[in-house]
Amino acid sequence: MMKINAYLKPQCGWSMGVRAIMNKYSLEYTDLDIINNPQIYAEMVEKSGQPLSPCVEIDGVMLADVSGEEVENYMLSNQLVDESDKSTNVPIDSPCTDEEHERQASESSEGSPVRFF
């Protein structure tokens, strides 16, 4: 079984795409919140050598600043998973919409900690 650490934002188009790929292939992974845990964010930056997310570490190999599509392509090309016809419920290669950013900003003003990197 692969050891997968996914450095993700709680709500983000790119992060949701990575989660969708993990679900598509029924993979166990650790979902690490880089927004609400500064130590996790610092760990991601140290391991990946850069500040952008999502980052996914698969068996010690760091995929930095990747989309779900890129994670899927990596796993398929390295024969870590078999092809799947299962669909995802969200886009796997898409940023947050402007509406999503507006919603997150309004939640932030209501007291929820939301940071954008």
PDB file of N, CA and C in Angstrom:
ATOM      1  N   MET A   1       0.838  -1.181   0.000  1.00  0.00           N
ATOM      2  CA  MET A   1       0.000   0.000   0.000  1.00  0.00           C
ATOM      3  C   MET A   1       0.885   1.247   0.000  1.00  0.00           C
ATOM      4  N   MET A   2       0.484   2.231  -0.800  1.00  0.00           N
ATOM      5  CA  MET A   2       1.231   3.485  -0.885  1.00  0.00           C
ATOM      6  C   MET A   2       1.009   4.330   0.361  1.00  0.00           C
ATOM      7  N   LYS A   3       2.040   5.092   0.727  1.00  0.00           N
ATOM      8  CA  LYS A   3       1.897   6.091   1.785  1.00  0.00           C
ATOM      9  C   LYS A   3       1.742   7.440   1.085  1.00  0.00           C
ATOM     10  N   ILE A   4       0.587   8.066   1.288  1.00  0.00           N
ATOM     11  CA  ILE A   4       0.270   9.317   0.600  1.00  0.00           C
ATOM     12  C   ILE A   4      -0.056  10.393   1.620  1.00  0.00           C
ATOM     13  N   ASN A   5       0.683  11.501   1.549  1.00  0.00           N
ATOM     14  CA  ASN A   5       0.395  12.700   2.322  1.00  0.00           C
ATOM     15  C   ASN A   5      -0.001  13.788   1.339  1.00  0.00           C
ATOM     16  N   ALA A   6      -1.190  14.335   1.506  1.00  0.00           N
ATOM     17  CA  ALA A   6      -1.681  15.378   0.616  1.00  0.00           C
ATOM     18  C   ALA A   6      -1.781  16.686   1.393  1.00  0.00           C
ATOM     19  N   TYR A   7      -0.996  17.667   0.990  1.00  0.00           N
ATOM     20  CA  TYR A   7      -0.983  18.996   1.619  1.00  0.00           C
ATOM     21  C   TYR A   7      -2.001  19.843   0.861  1.00  0.00           C
ATOM     22  N   LEU A   8      -3.162  20.059   1.498  1.00  0.00           N
ATOM     23  CA  LEU A   8      -4.309  20.641   0.809  1.00  0.00           C
ATOM     24  C   LEU A   8      -4.936  21.782   1.596  1.00  0.00           C
ATOM     25  N   LYS A   9      -5.674  22.614   0.870  1.00  0.00           N
ATOM     26  CA  LYS A   9      -6.513  23.631   1.493  1.00  0.00           C
ATOM     27  C   LYS A   9      -7.885  23.003   1.735  1.00  0.00           C
ATOM     28  N   PRO A  10      -8.575  23.412   2.807  1.00  0.00           N
ATOM     29  CA  PRO A  10      -9.895  22.835   3.075  1.00  0.00           C
ATOM     30  C   PRO A  10     -10.875  23.018   1.915  1.00  0.00           C
ATOM     31  N   GLN A  11     -10.894  24.196   1.335  1.00  0.00           N
ATOM     32  CA  GLN A  11     -11.782  24.488   0.215  1.00  0.00           C
ATOM     33  C   GLN A  11     -10.962  25.138  -0.886  1.00  0.00           C
ATOM     34  N   CYS A  12     -10.758  24.422  -1.957  1.00  0.00           N
ATOM     35  CA  CYS A  12      -9.968  24.935  -3.076  1.00  0.00           C
ATOM     36  C   CYS A  12     -10.229  24.020  -4.262  1.00  0.00           C
ATOM     37  N   GLY A  13     -10.421  24.599  -5.432  1.00  0.00           N
ATOM     38  CA  GLY A  13     -10.666  23.789  -6.619  1.00  0.00           C
ATOM     39  C   GLY A  13      -9.579  22.762  -6.863  1.00  0.00           C
ATOM     40  N   TRP A  14      -8.318  23.201  -6.771  1.00  0.00           N
ATOM     41  CA  TRP A  14      -7.196  22.286  -7.001  1.00  0.00           C
ATOM     42  C   TRP A  14      -7.183  21.182  -5.942  1.00  0.00           C
ATOM     43  N   SER A  15      -7.359  21.548  -4.680  1.00  0.00           N
ATOM     44  CA  SER A  15      -7.351  20.563  -3.592  1.00  0.00           C
ATOM     45  C   SER A  15      -8.516  19.583  -3.718  1.00  0.00           C
ATOM     46  N   MET A  16      -9.682  20.088  -4.096  1.00  0.00           N
ATOM     47  CA  MET A  16     -10.834  19.200  -4.271  1.00  0.00           C
ATOM     48  C   MET A  16     -10.576  18.210  -5.408  1.00  0.00           C
ATOM     49  N   GLY A  17      -9.839  18.638  -6.436  1.00  0.00           N
ATOM     50  CA  GLY A  17      -9.486  17.735  -7.528  1.00  0.00           C
ATOM     51  C   GLY A  17      -8.570  16.617  -7.071  1.00  0.00           C
ATOM     52  N   VAL A  18      -7.618  16.945  -6.199  1.00  0.00           N
ATOM     53  CA  VAL A  18      -6.723  15.915  -5.648  1.00  0.00           C
ATOM     54  C   VAL A  18      -7.538  14.935  -4.814  1.00  0.00           C
ATOM     55  N   ARG A  19      -8.425  15.437  -3.959  1.00  0.00           N
ATOM     56  CA  ARG A  19      -9.260  14.554  -3.143  1.00  0.00           C
ATOM     57  C   ARG A  19     -10.124  13.647  -4.021  1.00  0.00           C
ATOM     58  N   ALA A  20     -10.634  14.210  -5.122  1.00  0.00           N
ATOM     59  CA  ALA A  20     -11.468  13.424  -6.033  1.00  0.00           C
ATOM     60  C   ALA A  20     -10.688  12.257  -6.635  1.00  0.00           C
ATOM     61  N   ILE A  21      -9.411  12.485  -6.958  1.00  0.00           N
ATOM     62  CA  ILE A  21      -8.588  11.404  -7.508  1.00  0.00           C
ATOM     63  C   ILE A  21      -8.335  10.343  -6.446  1.00  0.00           C
ATOM     64  N   MET A  22      -8.074  10.751  -5.225  1.00  0.00           N
ATOM     65  CA  MET A  22      -7.871   9.778  -4.147  1.00  0.00           C
ATOM     66  C   MET A  22      -9.129   8.920  -3.971  1.00  0.00           C
ATOM     67  N   ASN A  23     -10.293   9.545  -4.045  1.00  0.00           N
ATOM     68  CA  ASN A  23     -11.552   8.809  -3.920  1.00  0.00           C
ATOM     69  C   ASN A  23     -11.806   7.929  -5.141  1.00  0.00           C
ATOM     70  N   LYS A  24     -11.489   8.442  -6.326  1.00  0.00           N
ATOM     71  CA  LYS A  24     -11.695   7.677  -7.561  1.00  0.00           C
ATOM     72  C   LYS A  24     -10.980   6.332  -7.504  1.00  0.00           C
ATOM     73  N   TYR A  25      -9.787   6.317  -6.942  1.00  0.00           N
ATOM     74  CA  TYR A  25      -8.987   5.095  -6.874  1.00  0.00           C
ATOM     75  C   TYR A  25      -9.052   4.432  -5.490  1.00  0.00           C
ATOM     76  N   SER A  26      -9.945   4.924  -4.636  1.00  0.00           N
ATOM     77  CA  SER A  26     -10.121   4.380  -3.278  1.00  0.00           C
ATOM     78  C   SER A  26      -8.796   4.276  -2.529  1.00  0.00           C
ATOM     79  N   LEU A  27      -8.011   5.341  -2.597  1.00  0.00           N
ATOM     80  CA  LEU A  27      -6.698   5.370  -1.961  1.00  0.00           C
ATOM     81  C   LEU A  27      -6.791   5.944  -0.553  1.00  0.00           C
ATOM     82  N   GLU A  28      -6.091   5.315   0.364  1.00  0.00           N
ATOM     83  CA  GLU A  28      -5.969   5.872   1.709  1.00  0.00           C
ATOM     84  C   GLU A  28      -4.871   6.929   1.662  1.00  0.00           C
ATOM     85  N   TYR A  29      -5.151   8.075   2.263  1.00  0.00           N
ATOM     86  CA  TYR A  29      -4.178   9.168   2.281  1.00  0.00           C
ATOM     87  C   TYR A  29      -4.415  10.034   3.500  1.00  0.00           C
ATOM     88  N   THR A  30      -3.388  10.782   3.853  1.00  0.00           N
ATOM     89  CA  THR A  30      -3.512  11.735   4.950  1.00  0.00           C
ATOM     90  C   THR A  30      -3.764  13.110   4.350  1.00  0.00           C
ATOM     91  N   ASP A  31      -4.899  13.699   4.713  1.00  0.00           N
ATOM     92  CA  ASP A  31      -5.297  15.020   4.229  1.00  0.00           C
ATOM     93  C   ASP A  31      -4.766  16.041   5.228  1.00  0.00           C
ATOM     94  N   LEU A  32      -3.723  16.769   4.840  1.00  0.00           N
ATOM     95  CA  LEU A  32      -3.049  17.714   5.731  1.00  0.00           C
ATOM     96  C   LEU A  32      -3.484  19.141   5.414  1.00  0.00           C
ATOM     97  N   ASP A  33      -4.096  19.802   6.365  1.00  0.00           N
ATOM     98  CA  ASP A  33      -4.672  21.139   6.217  1.00  0.00           C
ATOM     99  C   ASP A  33      -3.579  22.203   6.348  1.00  0.00           C
ATOM    100  N   ILE A  34      -3.211  22.811   5.218  1.00  0.00           N
ATOM    101  CA  ILE A  34      -2.149  23.829   5.235  1.00  0.00           C
ATOM    102  C   ILE A  34      -2.672  25.216   5.599  1.00  0.00           C
ATOM    103  N   ILE A  35      -3.973  25.392   5.627  1.00  0.00           N
ATOM    104  CA  ILE A  35      -4.540  26.706   5.922  1.00  0.00           C
ATOM    105  C   ILE A  35      -4.649  26.948   7.429  1.00  0.00           C
ATOM    106  N   ASN A  36      -5.162  25.964   8.137  1.00  0.00           N
ATOM    107  CA  ASN A  36      -5.420  26.140   9.559  1.00  0.00           C
ATOM    108  C   ASN A  36      -4.331  25.581  10.460  1.00  0.00           C
ATOM    109  N   ASN A  37      -3.249  25.084   9.861  1.00  0.00           N
ATOM    110  CA  ASN A  37      -2.141  24.549  10.642  1.00  0.00           C
ATOM    111  C   ASN A  37      -0.818  25.064  10.073  1.00  0.00           C
ATOM    112  N   PRO A  38      -0.265  26.126  10.655  1.00  0.00           N
ATOM    113  CA  PRO A  38       0.971  26.720  10.125  1.00  0.00           C
ATOM    114  C   PRO A  38       2.148  25.740  10.101  1.00  0.00           C
ATOM    115  N   GLN A  39       2.180  24.798  11.027  1.00  0.00           N
ATOM    116  CA  GLN A  39       3.280  23.830  11.032  1.00  0.00           C
ATOM    117  C   GLN A  39       3.202  22.903   9.820  1.00  0.00           C
ATOM    118  N   ILE A  40       1.989  22.522   9.445  1.00  0.00           N
ATOM    119  CA  ILE A  40       1.806  21.673   8.262  1.00  0.00           C
ATOM    120  C   ILE A  40       2.206  22.450   7.009  1.00  0.00           C
ATOM    121  N   TYR A  41       1.819  23.727   6.940  1.00  0.00           N
ATOM    122  CA  TYR A  41       2.212  24.553   5.795  1.00  0.00           C
ATOM    123  C   TYR A  41       3.738  24.653   5.714  1.00  0.00           C
ATOM    124  N   ALA A  42       4.397  24.908   6.845  1.00  0.00           N
ATOM    125  CA  ALA A  42       5.864  25.008   6.870  1.00  0.00           C
ATOM    126  C   ALA A  42       6.512  23.693   6.438  1.00  0.00           C
ATOM    127  N   GLU A  43       5.933  22.584   6.870  1.00  0.00           N
ATOM    128  CA  GLU A  43       6.447  21.266   6.475  1.00  0.00           C
ATOM    129  C   GLU A  43       6.343  21.083   4.960  1.00  0.00           C
ATOM    130  N   MET A  44       5.194  21.485   4.382  1.00  0.00           N
ATOM    131  CA  MET A  44       5.001  21.377   2.942  1.00  0.00           C
ATOM    132  C   MET A  44       6.052  22.194   2.195  1.00  0.00           C
ATOM    133  N   VAL A  45       6.263  23.434   2.626  1.00  0.00           N
ATOM    134  CA  VAL A  45       7.238  24.313   1.971  1.00  0.00           C
ATOM    135  C   VAL A  45       8.640  23.708   2.068  1.00  0.00           C
ATOM    136  N   GLU A  46       8.983  23.209   3.246  1.00  0.00           N
ATOM    137  CA  GLU A  46      10.312  22.610   3.426  1.00  0.00           C
ATOM    138  C   GLU A  46      10.502  21.381   2.532  1.00  0.00           C
ATOM    139  N   LYS A  47       9.508  20.512   2.497  1.00  0.00           N
ATOM    140  CA  LYS A  47       9.627  19.276   1.726  1.00  0.00           C
ATOM    141  C   LYS A  47       9.571  19.524   0.214  1.00  0.00           C
ATOM    142  N   SER A  48       8.727  20.481  -0.205  1.00  0.00           N
ATOM    143  CA  SER A  48       8.540  20.701  -1.645  1.00  0.00           C
ATOM    144  C   SER A  48       9.495  21.745  -2.216  1.00  0.00           C
ATOM    145  N   GLY A  49      10.070  22.585  -1.340  1.00  0.00           N
ATOM    146  CA  GLY A  49      10.976  23.623  -1.798  1.00  0.00           C
ATOM    147  C   GLY A  49      10.279  24.807  -2.438  1.00  0.00           C
ATOM    148  N   GLN A  50       8.954  24.918  -2.229  1.00  0.00           N
ATOM    149  CA  GLN A  50       8.191  26.025  -2.808  1.00  0.00           C
ATOM    150  C   GLN A  50       6.892  26.195  -2.025  1.00  0.00           C
ATOM    151  N   PRO A  51       6.184  27.353  -2.173  1.00  0.00           N
ATOM    152  CA  PRO A  51       5.041  27.651  -1.316  1.00  0.00           C
ATOM    153  C   PRO A  51       3.656  27.331  -1.886  1.00  0.00           C
ATOM    154  N   LEU A  52       3.583  26.790  -3.087  1.00  0.00           N
ATOM    155  CA  LEU A  52       2.283  26.608  -3.731  1.00  0.00           C
ATOM    156  C   LEU A  52       1.682  25.244  -3.426  1.00  0.00           C
ATOM    157  N   SER A  53       0.365  25.189  -3.433  1.00  0.00           N
ATOM    158  CA  SER A  53      -0.343  23.939  -3.177  1.00  0.00           C
ATOM    159  C   SER A  53      -1.353  23.689  -4.290  1.00  0.00           C
ATOM    160  N   PRO A  54      -1.827  22.464  -4.365  1.00  0.00           N
ATOM    161  CA  PRO A  54      -1.571  21.304  -3.532  1.00  0.00           C
ATOM    162  C   PRO A  54      -0.204  20.681  -3.800  1.00  0.00           C
ATOM    163  N   CYS A  55       0.289  19.989  -2.772  1.00  0.00           N
ATOM    164  CA  CYS A  55       1.472  19.145  -2.899  1.00  0.00           C
ATOM    165  C   CYS A  55       1.067  17.763  -2.404  1.00  0.00           C
ATOM    166  N   VAL A  56       1.513  16.754  -3.118  1.00  0.00           N
ATOM    167  CA  VAL A  56       1.168  15.386  -2.754  1.00  0.00           C
ATOM    168  C   VAL A  56       2.459  14.571  -2.705  1.00  0.00           C
ATOM    169  N   GLU A  57       2.682  13.944  -1.569  1.00  0.00           N
ATOM    170  CA  GLU A  57       3.858  13.100  -1.387  1.00  0.00           C
ATOM    171  C   GLU A  57       3.407  11.643  -1.449  1.00  0.00           C
ATOM    172  N   ILE A  58       3.931  10.920  -2.444  1.00  0.00           N
ATOM    173  CA  ILE A  58       3.569   9.519  -2.638  1.00  0.00           C
ATOM    174  C   ILE A  58       4.822   8.677  -2.467  1.00  0.00           C
ATOM    175  N   ASP A  59       4.834   7.877  -1.423  1.00  0.00           N
ATOM    176  CA  ASP A  59       5.991   7.016  -1.129  1.00  0.00           C
ATOM    177  C   ASP A  59       7.311   7.781  -1.192  1.00  0.00           C
ATOM    178  N   GLY A  60       7.318   8.986  -0.597  1.00  0.00           N
ATOM    179  CA  GLY A  60       8.541   9.774  -0.506  1.00  0.00           C
ATOM    180  C   GLY A  60       8.827  10.661  -1.701  1.00  0.00           C
ATOM    181  N   VAL A  61       8.022  10.571  -2.769  1.00  0.00           N
ATOM    182  CA  VAL A  61       8.197  11.426  -3.947  1.00  0.00           C
ATOM    183  C   VAL A  61       7.218  12.587  -3.838  1.00  0.00           C
ATOM    184  N   MET A  62       7.747  13.818  -3.831  1.00  0.00           N
ATOM    185  CA  MET A  62       6.912  15.008  -3.678  1.00  0.00           C
ATOM    186  C   MET A  62       6.495  15.533  -5.042  1.00  0.00           C
ATOM    187  N   LEU A  63       5.200  15.639  -5.241  1.00  0.00           N
ATOM    188  CA  LEU A  63       4.624  16.277  -6.430  1.00  0.00           C
ATOM    189  C   LEU A  63       4.173  17.656  -5.977  1.00  0.00           C
ATOM    190  N   ALA A  64       4.866  18.689  -6.422  1.00  0.00           N
ATOM    191  CA  ALA A  64       4.617  20.044  -5.928  1.00  0.00           C
ATOM    192  C   ALA A  64       3.707  20.823  -6.867  1.00  0.00           C
ATOM    193  N   ASP A  65       2.771  21.578  -6.273  1.00  0.00           N
ATOM    194  CA  ASP A  65       1.883  22.467  -7.008  1.00  0.00           C
ATOM    195  C   ASP A  65       1.189  21.715  -8.140  1.00  0.00           C
ATOM    196  N   VAL A  66       0.427  20.672  -7.781  1.00  0.00           N
ATOM    197  CA  VAL A  66      -0.188  19.801  -8.770  1.00  0.00           C
ATOM    198  C   VAL A  66      -1.708  19.839  -8.720  1.00  0.00           C
ATOM    199  N   SER A  67      -2.298  19.475  -9.830  1.00  0.00           N
ATOM    200  CA  SER A  67      -3.745  19.303  -9.909  1.00  0.00           C
ATOM    201  C   SER A  67      -4.056  17.822  -9.697  1.00  0.00           C
ATOM    202  N   GLY A  68      -5.322  17.513  -9.518  1.00  0.00           N
ATOM    203  CA  GLY A  68      -5.729  16.120  -9.433  1.00  0.00           C
ATOM    204  C   GLY A  68      -5.364  15.358 -10.694  1.00  0.00           C
ATOM    205  N   GLU A  69      -5.520  16.017 -11.831  1.00  0.00           N
ATOM    206  CA  GLU A  69      -5.184  15.389 -13.109  1.00  0.00           C
ATOM    207  C   GLU A  69      -3.702  15.005 -13.157  1.00  0.00           C
ATOM    208  N   GLU A  70      -2.851  15.889 -12.681  1.00  0.00           N
ATOM    209  CA  GLU A  70      -1.411  15.607 -12.679  1.00  0.00           C
ATOM    210  C   GLU A  70      -1.065  14.464 -11.718  1.00  0.00           C
ATOM    211  N   VAL A  71      -1.731  14.422 -10.579  1.00  0.00           N
ATOM    212  CA  VAL A  71      -1.507  13.328  -9.637  1.00  0.00           C
ATOM    213  C   VAL A  71      -1.940  12.007 -10.278  1.00  0.00           C
ATOM    214  N   GLU A  72      -3.105  12.018 -10.906  1.00  0.00           N
ATOM    215  CA  GLU A  72      -3.590  10.809 -11.574  1.00  0.00           C
ATOM    216  C   GLU A  72      -2.621  10.357 -12.665  1.00  0.00           C
ATOM    217  N   ASN A  73      -2.159  11.294 -13.489  1.00  0.00           N
ATOM    218  CA  ASN A  73      -1.217  10.949 -14.567  1.00  0.00           C
ATOM    219  C   ASN A  73       0.077  10.364 -14.003  1.00  0.00           C
ATOM    220  N   TYR A  74       0.576  10.928 -12.902  1.00  0.00           N
ATOM    221  CA  TYR A  74       1.784  10.410 -12.271  1.00  0.00           C
ATOM    222  C   TYR A  74       1.572   8.965 -11.819  1.00  0.00           C
ATOM    223  N   MET A  75       0.471   8.719 -11.139  1.00  0.00           N
ATOM    224  CA  MET A  75       0.222   7.376 -10.618  1.00  0.00           C
ATOM    225  C   MET A  75       0.016   6.361 -11.735  1.00  0.00           C
ATOM    226  N   LEU A  76      -0.685   6.762 -12.794  1.00  0.00           N
ATOM    227  CA  LEU A  76      -0.896   5.854 -13.923  1.00  0.00           C
ATOM    228  C   LEU A  76       0.417   5.576 -14.657  1.00  0.00           C
ATOM    229  N   SER A  77       1.196   6.622 -14.922  1.00  0.00           N
ATOM    230  CA  SER A  77       2.438   6.434 -15.691  1.00  0.00           C
ATOM    231  C   SER A  77       3.482   5.646 -14.913  1.00  0.00           C
ATOM    232  N   ASN A  78       3.378   5.639 -13.582  1.00  0.00           N
ATOM    233  CA  ASN A  78       4.307   4.867 -12.750  1.00  0.00           C
ATOM    234  C   ASN A  78       3.684   3.553 -12.276  1.00  0.00           C
ATOM    235  N   GLN A  79       2.548   3.212 -12.869  1.00  0.00           N
ATOM    236  CA  GLN A  79       1.843   1.960 -12.587  1.00  0.00           C
ATOM    237  C   GLN A  79       1.556   1.770 -11.093  1.00  0.00           C
ATOM    238  N   LEU A  80       1.204   2.860 -10.428  1.00  0.00           N
ATOM    239  CA  LEU A  80       0.837   2.810  -9.016  1.00  0.00           C
ATOM    240  C   LEU A  80      -0.648   2.506  -8.851  1.00  0.00           C
ATOM    241  N   VAL A  81      -1.432   2.785  -9.901  1.00  0.00           N
ATOM    242  CA  VAL A  81      -2.858   2.464  -9.938  1.00  0.00           C
ATOM    243  C   VAL A  81      -3.183   1.940 -11.325  1.00  0.00           C
ATOM    244  N   ASP A  82      -4.285   1.231 -11.434  1.00  0.00           N
ATOM    245  CA  ASP A  82      -4.784   0.770 -12.724  1.00  0.00           C
ATOM    246  C   ASP A  82      -5.816   1.761 -13.234  1.00  0.00           C
ATOM    247  N   GLU A  83      -5.973   1.835 -14.546  1.00  0.00           N
ATOM    248  CA  GLU A  83      -6.981   2.720 -15.151  1.00  0.00           C
ATOM    249  C   GLU A  83      -8.330   2.502 -14.477  1.00  0.00           C
ATOM    250  N   SER A  84      -9.099   3.561 -14.360  1.00  0.00           N
ATOM    251  CA  SER A  84     -10.439   3.485 -13.764  1.00  0.00           C
ATOM    252  C   SER A  84     -11.404   4.307 -14.606  1.00  0.00           C
ATOM    253  N   ASP A  85     -12.583   3.749 -14.835  1.00  0.00           N
ATOM    254  CA  ASP A  85     -13.636   4.472 -15.551  1.00  0.00           C
ATOM    255  C   ASP A  85     -14.539   5.251 -14.596  1.00  0.00           C
ATOM    256  N   LYS A  86     -14.275   5.115 -13.307  1.00  0.00           N
ATOM    257  CA  LYS A  86     -15.087   5.804 -12.299  1.00  0.00           C
ATOM    258  C   LYS A  86     -14.958   7.308 -12.496  1.00  0.00           C
ATOM    259  N   SER A  87     -16.076   8.007 -12.439  1.00  0.00           N
ATOM    260  CA  SER A  87     -16.037   9.457 -12.626  1.00  0.00           C
ATOM    261  C   SER A  87     -15.862  10.149 -11.278  1.00  0.00           C
ATOM    262  N   THR A  88     -15.446  11.402 -11.352  1.00  0.00           N
ATOM    263  CA  THR A  88     -15.300  12.213 -10.149  1.00  0.00           C
ATOM    264  C   THR A  88     -16.475  13.181 -10.084  1.00  0.00           C
ATOM    265  N   ASN A  89     -16.787  13.646  -8.888  1.00  0.00           N
ATOM    266  CA  ASN A  89     -17.927  14.558  -8.736  1.00  0.00           C
ATOM    267  C   ASN A  89     -17.521  16.025  -8.841  1.00  0.00           C
ATOM    268  N   VAL A  90     -16.219  16.278  -9.016  1.00  0.00           N
ATOM    269  CA  VAL A  90     -15.722  17.645  -9.190  1.00  0.00           C
ATOM    270  C   VAL A  90     -14.656  17.635 -10.289  1.00  0.00           C
ATOM    271  N   PRO A  91     -14.392  18.802 -10.888  1.00  0.00           N
ATOM    272  CA  PRO A  91     -13.299  18.871 -11.865  1.00  0.00           C
ATOM    273  C   PRO A  91     -11.970  18.533 -11.180  1.00  0.00           C
ATOM    274  N   ILE A  92     -11.092  17.842 -11.903  1.00  0.00           N
ATOM    275  CA  ILE A  92      -9.807  17.459 -11.314  1.00  0.00           C
ATOM    276  C   ILE A  92      -8.669  18.384 -11.736  1.00  0.00           C
ATOM    277  N   ASP A  93      -8.969  19.372 -12.558  1.00  0.00           N
ATOM    278  CA  ASP A  93      -7.946  20.309 -13.016  1.00  0.00           C
ATOM    279  C   ASP A  93      -8.529  21.710 -13.118  1.00  0.00           C
ATOM    280  N   SER A  94      -8.971  22.222 -11.967  1.00  0.00           N
ATOM    281  CA  SER A  94      -9.673  23.501 -11.992  1.00  0.00           C
ATOM    282  C   SER A  94      -9.446  24.283 -10.703  1.00  0.00           C
ATOM    283  N   PRO A  95      -9.189  25.581 -10.828  1.00  0.00           N
ATOM    284  CA  PRO A  95      -9.076  26.417  -9.623  1.00  0.00           C
ATOM    285  C   PRO A  95     -10.460  26.692  -9.045  1.00  0.00           C
ATOM    286  N   CYS A  96     -10.496  27.350  -7.915  1.00  0.00           N
ATOM    287  CA  CYS A  96     -11.767  27.812  -7.360  1.00  0.00           C
ATOM    288  C   CYS A  96     -12.377  28.824  -8.318  1.00  0.00           C
ATOM    289  N   THR A  97     -13.695  28.849  -8.324  1.00  0.00           N
ATOM    290  CA  THR A  97     -14.386  29.863  -9.105  1.00  0.00           C
ATOM    291  C   THR A  97     -14.329  31.193  -8.358  1.00  0.00           C
ATOM    292  N   ASP A  98     -14.622  32.273  -9.053  1.00  0.00           N
ATOM    293  CA  ASP A  98     -14.689  33.587  -8.404  1.00  0.00           C
ATOM    294  C   ASP A  98     -15.744  33.575  -7.296  1.00  0.00           C
ATOM    295  N   GLU A  99     -16.859  32.861  -7.543  1.00  0.00           N
ATOM    296  CA  GLU A  99     -17.916  32.773  -6.548  1.00  0.00           C
ATOM    297  C   GLU A  99     -17.412  32.073  -5.284  1.00  0.00           C
ATOM    298  N   GLU A 100     -16.610  31.024  -5.460  1.00  0.00           N
ATOM    299  CA  GLU A 100     -16.061  30.309  -4.308  1.00  0.00           C
ATOM    300  C   GLU A 100     -15.122  31.212  -3.513  1.00  0.00           C
ATOM    301  N   HIS A 101     -14.282  31.980  -4.197  1.00  0.00           N
ATOM    302  CA  HIS A 101     -13.397  32.917  -3.498  1.00  0.00           C
ATOM    303  C   HIS A 101     -14.210  33.959  -2.731  1.00  0.00           C
ATOM    304  N   GLU A 102     -15.284  34.463  -3.333  1.00  0.00           N
ATOM    305  CA  GLU A 102     -16.140  35.441  -2.646  1.00  0.00           C
ATOM    306  C   GLU A 102     -16.781  34.819  -1.408  1.00  0.00           C
ATOM    307  N   ARG A 103     -17.264  33.575  -1.512  1.00  0.00           N
ATOM    308  CA  ARG A 103     -17.871  32.896  -0.371  1.00  0.00           C
ATOM    309  C   ARG A 103     -16.852  32.713   0.743  1.00  0.00           C
ATOM    310  N   GLN A 104     -15.640  32.292   0.389  1.00  0.00           N
ATOM    311  CA  GLN A 104     -14.596  32.097   1.392  1.00  0.00           C
ATOM    312  C   GLN A 104     -14.243  33.420   2.071  1.00  0.00           C
ATOM    313  N   ALA A 105     -14.181  34.501   1.294  1.00  0.00           N
ATOM    314  CA  ALA A 105     -13.861  35.806   1.867  1.00  0.00           C
ATOM    315  C   ALA A 105     -14.957  36.247   2.828  1.00  0.00           C
ATOM    316  N   SER A 106     -16.225  36.004   2.480  1.00  0.00           N
ATOM    317  CA  SER A 106     -17.312  36.401   3.370  1.00  0.00           C
ATOM    318  C   SER A 106     -17.302  35.560   4.641  1.00  0.00           C
ATOM    319  N   GLU A 107     -16.960  34.276   4.541  1.00  0.00           N
ATOM    320  CA  GLU A 107     -16.847  33.432   5.740  1.00  0.00           C
ATOM    321  C   GLU A 107     -15.707  33.920   6.620  1.00  0.00           C
ATOM    322  N   SER A 108     -14.633  34.377   6.003  1.00  0.00           N
ATOM    323  CA  SER A 108     -13.489  34.882   6.761  1.00  0.00           C
ATOM    324  C   SER A 108     -13.896  36.095   7.591  1.00  0.00           C
ATOM    325  N   SER A 109     -14.721  36.945   7.011  1.00  0.00           N
ATOM    326  CA  SER A 109     -15.144  38.137   7.748  1.00  0.00           C
ATOM    327  C   SER A 109     -16.105  37.785   8.885  1.00  0.00           C
ATOM    328  N   GLU A 110     -16.658  36.558   8.865  1.00  0.00           N
ATOM    329  CA  GLU A 110     -17.553  36.107   9.919  1.00  0.00           C
ATOM    330  C   GLU A 110     -16.798  35.370  11.024  1.00  0.00           C
ATOM    331  N   GLY A 111     -15.468  35.336  10.942  1.00  0.00           N
ATOM    332  CA  GLY A 111     -14.688  34.736  12.008  1.00  0.00           C
ATOM    333  C   GLY A 111     -13.990  33.433  11.654  1.00  0.00           C
ATOM    334  N   SER A 112     -14.280  32.833  10.508  1.00  0.00           N
ATOM    335  CA  SER A 112     -13.599  31.595  10.112  1.00  0.00           C
ATOM    336  C   SER A 112     -12.217  31.928   9.580  1.00  0.00           C
ATOM    337  N   PRO A 113     -11.189  31.221  10.047  1.00  0.00           N
ATOM    338  CA  PRO A 113      -9.834  31.527   9.570  1.00  0.00           C
ATOM    339  C   PRO A 113      -9.612  31.030   8.142  1.00  0.00           C
ATOM    340  N   VAL A 114      -9.509  31.934   7.204  1.00  0.00           N
ATOM    341  CA  VAL A 114      -9.227  31.580   5.809  1.00  0.00           C
ATOM    342  C   VAL A 114      -8.073  32.455   5.355  1.00  0.00           C
ATOM    343  N   ARG A 115      -7.035  31.809   4.835  1.00  0.00           N
ATOM    344  CA  ARG A 115      -5.883  32.545   4.292  1.00  0.00           C
ATOM    345  C   ARG A 115      -5.688  32.101   2.857  1.00  0.00           C
ATOM    346  N   PHE A 116      -5.231  32.993   2.039  1.00  0.00           N
ATOM    347  CA  PHE A 116      -4.888  32.665   0.663  1.00  0.00           C
ATOM    348  C   PHE A 116      -3.401  32.836   0.475  1.00  0.00           C
ATOM    349  N   PHE A 117      -2.734  31.858  -0.100  1.00  0.00           N
ATOM    350  CA  PHE A 117      -1.293  31.919  -0.328  1.00  0.00           C
ATOM    351  C   PHE A 117      -1.022  32.140  -1.785  1.00  0.00           C
TER     352      PHE A 117
END
